[in-house]
């Protein structure tokens, strides 16, 4: 089953695409696993996710912690930190 990954703001700019459908390896169980796996997919991903702790993530449009399981996720969105103003 493929999962839609959506990238926002500078994450999108650094990766070079707004979204993609991917087949996640079975070993990817949590958001943290996903971020590590994405970083291994190429220089643009490594650049976008060089500080994974600051990346905010939403699964099926609900914000989650990095320890959250991703089983059954249809859509996972990655955001840079929100800045106030």
N, C-alpha and C. Protein backbone atom coordinates (compact mmCIF):
# COMPACT_ATOMS: atom_id res chain seq x y z
N UNK A 1 0.84 -1.17 0.00
CA UNK A 1 0.00 0.00 0.00
C UNK A 1 0.89 1.25 0.00
N UNK A 2 0.59 2.17 -0.88
CA UNK A 2 1.41 3.37 -0.92
C UNK A 2 0.86 4.42 0.05
N UNK A 3 1.75 5.27 0.48
CA UNK A 3 1.43 6.36 1.40
C UNK A 3 1.78 7.67 0.71
N UNK A 4 0.90 8.65 0.82
CA UNK A 4 1.17 9.97 0.23
C UNK A 4 1.96 10.79 1.24
N UNK A 5 3.12 11.27 0.82
CA UNK A 5 3.92 12.18 1.63
C UNK A 5 3.75 13.57 1.05
N UNK A 6 3.44 14.54 1.91
CA UNK A 6 3.25 15.92 1.49
C UNK A 6 4.27 16.78 2.22
N UNK A 7 4.93 17.65 1.47
CA UNK A 7 5.98 18.49 2.04
C UNK A 7 5.56 19.96 1.98
N UNK A 8 5.83 20.70 3.04
CA UNK A 8 5.44 22.10 3.13
C UNK A 8 6.65 23.01 3.32
N UNK A 9 6.51 24.26 2.85
CA UNK A 9 7.46 25.35 3.06
C UNK A 9 8.87 24.94 2.64
N UNK A 10 9.88 25.21 3.50
CA UNK A 10 11.24 24.93 3.06
C UNK A 10 11.55 23.45 2.97
N UNK A 11 10.76 22.58 3.59
CA UNK A 11 10.96 21.14 3.39
C UNK A 11 10.68 20.83 1.92
N UNK A 12 9.58 21.36 1.40
CA UNK A 12 9.21 21.17 -0.02
C UNK A 12 10.29 21.77 -0.93
N UNK A 13 10.74 22.96 -0.61
CA UNK A 13 11.74 23.62 -1.45
C UNK A 13 13.04 22.83 -1.52
N UNK A 14 13.47 22.31 -0.39
CA UNK A 14 14.74 21.57 -0.36
C UNK A 14 14.63 20.21 -1.03
N UNK A 15 13.48 19.54 -0.87
CA UNK A 15 13.30 18.23 -1.50
C UNK A 15 13.03 18.41 -3.00
N UNK A 16 12.37 19.51 -3.35
CA UNK A 16 12.15 19.80 -4.76
C UNK A 16 10.85 19.26 -5.31
N UNK A 17 9.93 18.89 -4.44
CA UNK A 17 8.62 18.42 -4.88
C UNK A 17 7.60 18.66 -3.77
N UNK A 18 6.34 18.89 -4.13
CA UNK A 18 5.33 19.15 -3.10
C UNK A 18 4.81 17.88 -2.43
N UNK A 19 4.83 16.77 -3.15
CA UNK A 19 4.32 15.51 -2.60
C UNK A 19 4.80 14.35 -3.44
N UNK A 20 4.63 13.15 -2.89
CA UNK A 20 4.94 11.92 -3.62
C UNK A 20 4.25 10.75 -2.95
N UNK A 21 3.99 9.73 -3.74
CA UNK A 21 3.44 8.48 -3.22
C UNK A 21 4.59 7.50 -3.10
N UNK A 22 4.74 6.89 -1.93
CA UNK A 22 5.85 5.96 -1.71
C UNK A 22 5.34 4.66 -1.10
N UNK A 23 6.07 3.60 -1.40
CA UNK A 23 5.86 2.31 -0.75
C UNK A 23 6.86 2.26 0.39
N UNK A 24 6.37 2.30 1.61
CA UNK A 24 7.27 2.31 2.76
C UNK A 24 7.77 0.89 3.06
N UNK A 25 9.05 0.74 3.33
CA UNK A 25 9.56 -0.57 3.74
C UNK A 25 8.88 -1.04 5.03
N UNK A 26 8.75 -2.33 5.19
CA UNK A 26 8.07 -2.90 6.37
C UNK A 26 8.73 -2.47 7.67
N UNK A 27 10.02 -2.20 7.64
CA UNK A 27 10.74 -1.83 8.87
C UNK A 27 10.38 -0.43 9.38
N UNK A 28 9.70 0.37 8.58
CA UNK A 28 9.34 1.73 8.98
C UNK A 28 8.08 1.67 9.82
N UNK A 29 8.23 1.84 11.13
CA UNK A 29 7.10 1.71 12.04
C UNK A 29 6.65 3.03 12.65
N UNK A 30 7.58 3.96 12.85
CA UNK A 30 7.26 5.21 13.53
C UNK A 30 7.63 6.40 12.64
N UNK A 31 7.19 7.57 13.05
CA UNK A 31 7.56 8.80 12.35
C UNK A 31 9.08 8.95 12.34
N UNK A 32 9.73 8.68 13.45
CA UNK A 32 11.19 8.80 13.52
C UNK A 32 11.85 7.86 12.50
N UNK A 33 11.33 6.63 12.35
CA UNK A 33 11.86 5.70 11.35
C UNK A 33 11.70 6.28 9.95
N UNK A 34 10.54 6.86 9.69
CA UNK A 34 10.26 7.46 8.39
C UNK A 34 11.26 8.57 8.08
N UNK A 35 11.51 9.45 9.03
CA UNK A 35 12.44 10.55 8.80
C UNK A 35 13.85 10.03 8.53
N UNK A 36 14.28 9.00 9.26
CA UNK A 36 15.61 8.41 9.02
C UNK A 36 15.67 7.81 7.62
N UNK A 37 14.62 7.09 7.21
CA UNK A 37 14.57 6.46 5.90
C UNK A 37 14.59 7.51 4.80
N UNK A 38 13.79 8.56 4.96
CA UNK A 38 13.77 9.62 3.95
C UNK A 38 15.14 10.26 3.78
N UNK A 39 15.84 10.50 4.89
CA UNK A 39 17.17 11.11 4.81
C UNK A 39 18.12 10.27 3.96
N UNK A 40 17.89 8.96 3.90
CA UNK A 40 18.77 8.06 3.15
C UNK A 40 18.44 8.03 1.66
N UNK A 41 17.40 8.74 1.24
CA UNK A 41 16.94 8.66 -0.16
C UNK A 41 17.66 9.61 -1.10
N UNK A 42 18.56 10.42 -0.60
CA UNK A 42 19.30 11.29 -1.50
C UNK A 42 19.69 12.59 -0.84
N UNK A 43 20.54 13.32 -1.53
CA UNK A 43 21.10 14.56 -0.98
C UNK A 43 20.03 15.59 -0.65
N UNK A 44 19.02 15.73 -1.50
CA UNK A 44 17.98 16.73 -1.24
C UNK A 44 17.18 16.39 0.02
N UNK A 45 16.91 15.10 0.25
CA UNK A 45 16.21 14.69 1.46
C UNK A 45 17.09 14.90 2.69
N UNK A 46 18.35 14.54 2.55
CA UNK A 46 19.27 14.71 3.67
C UNK A 46 19.37 16.19 4.05
N UNK A 47 19.40 17.06 3.07
CA UNK A 47 19.46 18.50 3.33
C UNK A 47 18.18 18.99 4.01
N UNK A 48 17.04 18.56 3.52
CA UNK A 48 15.75 19.00 4.08
C UNK A 48 15.54 18.48 5.50
N UNK A 49 16.07 17.31 5.79
CA UNK A 49 15.80 16.65 7.08
C UNK A 49 17.05 16.54 7.93
N UNK A 50 18.00 17.44 7.74
CA UNK A 50 19.25 17.33 8.48
C UNK A 50 19.05 17.52 9.99
N UNK A 51 17.98 18.19 10.38
CA UNK A 51 17.64 18.35 11.81
C UNK A 51 16.24 17.77 12.02
N UNK A 52 16.12 16.45 12.03
CA UNK A 52 14.79 15.83 12.09
C UNK A 52 13.98 16.22 13.33
N UNK A 53 14.65 16.56 14.42
CA UNK A 53 13.93 16.89 15.65
C UNK A 53 13.03 18.12 15.49
N UNK A 54 13.34 19.01 14.54
CA UNK A 54 12.52 20.20 14.37
C UNK A 54 11.37 20.02 13.40
N UNK A 55 11.38 18.92 12.67
CA UNK A 55 10.32 18.67 11.69
C UNK A 55 9.03 18.28 12.41
N UNK A 56 7.96 18.96 12.04
CA UNK A 56 6.64 18.62 12.58
C UNK A 56 5.95 17.72 11.58
N UNK A 57 5.15 16.79 12.10
CA UNK A 57 4.53 15.77 11.24
C UNK A 57 3.05 15.64 11.56
N UNK A 58 2.26 15.45 10.51
CA UNK A 58 0.84 15.16 10.67
C UNK A 58 0.53 13.87 9.92
N UNK A 59 -0.19 12.98 10.59
CA UNK A 59 -0.66 11.74 9.96
C UNK A 59 -2.17 11.89 9.77
N UNK A 60 -2.61 11.72 8.52
CA UNK A 60 -4.03 11.89 8.20
C UNK A 60 -4.58 13.18 8.78
N UNK A 61 -3.80 14.26 8.62
CA UNK A 61 -4.15 15.63 9.01
C UNK A 61 -4.26 15.85 10.52
N UNK A 62 -3.57 15.01 11.29
CA UNK A 62 -3.53 15.19 12.75
C UNK A 62 -2.07 15.22 13.20
N UNK A 63 -1.67 16.31 13.87
CA UNK A 63 -0.28 16.43 14.32
C UNK A 63 0.06 15.34 15.32
N UNK A 64 1.26 14.76 15.15
CA UNK A 64 1.69 13.64 15.99
C UNK A 64 3.14 13.84 16.43
N UNK A 65 3.53 13.09 17.44
CA UNK A 65 4.91 13.06 17.92
C UNK A 65 5.72 12.09 17.05
N UNK A 66 7.04 12.21 17.10
CA UNK A 66 7.90 11.35 16.29
C UNK A 66 7.86 9.89 16.70
N UNK A 67 7.40 9.60 17.90
CA UNK A 67 7.33 8.19 18.33
C UNK A 67 6.03 7.52 17.86
N UNK A 68 5.14 8.28 17.25
CA UNK A 68 3.84 7.77 16.79
C UNK A 68 4.03 6.70 15.72
N UNK A 69 3.24 5.63 15.80
CA UNK A 69 3.25 4.57 14.78
C UNK A 69 2.58 5.10 13.52
N UNK A 70 3.06 4.67 12.36
CA UNK A 70 2.48 5.15 11.11
C UNK A 70 1.65 4.10 10.39
N UNK A 71 1.45 2.95 11.00
CA UNK A 71 0.66 1.89 10.37
C UNK A 71 -0.71 2.42 9.97
N UNK A 72 -1.10 2.17 8.74
CA UNK A 72 -2.40 2.58 8.25
C UNK A 72 -2.50 4.02 7.79
N UNK A 73 -1.39 4.75 7.84
CA UNK A 73 -1.43 6.15 7.42
C UNK A 73 -1.64 6.24 5.91
N UNK A 74 -2.63 7.03 5.52
CA UNK A 74 -2.86 7.27 4.09
C UNK A 74 -2.07 8.49 3.64
N UNK A 75 -1.86 9.43 4.56
CA UNK A 75 -1.20 10.69 4.22
C UNK A 75 -0.33 11.13 5.39
N UNK A 76 0.92 11.47 5.09
CA UNK A 76 1.83 11.97 6.10
C UNK A 76 2.41 13.29 5.58
N UNK A 77 2.23 14.34 6.36
CA UNK A 77 2.71 15.66 5.97
C UNK A 77 3.89 16.06 6.84
N UNK A 78 4.90 16.67 6.23
CA UNK A 78 6.08 17.14 6.94
C UNK A 78 6.15 18.66 6.83
N UNK A 79 6.31 19.31 7.98
CA UNK A 79 6.34 20.76 8.08
C UNK A 79 7.61 21.21 8.78
N UNK A 80 8.10 22.38 8.41
CA UNK A 80 9.17 22.98 9.22
C UNK A 80 8.57 23.51 10.51
N UNK A 81 9.39 23.93 11.46
CA UNK A 81 8.85 24.51 12.68
C UNK A 81 8.00 25.74 12.37
N UNK A 82 6.95 25.91 13.12
CA UNK A 82 6.10 27.09 12.93
C UNK A 82 6.75 28.27 13.63
N UNK A 83 6.70 29.41 12.97
CA UNK A 83 7.24 30.61 13.59
C UNK A 83 6.09 31.55 13.91
N UNK A 84 6.18 32.18 15.03
CA UNK A 84 5.10 33.09 15.45
C UNK A 84 5.36 34.51 14.99
N UNK A 85 4.32 35.32 15.14
CA UNK A 85 4.53 36.69 14.74
C UNK A 85 3.29 37.51 14.99
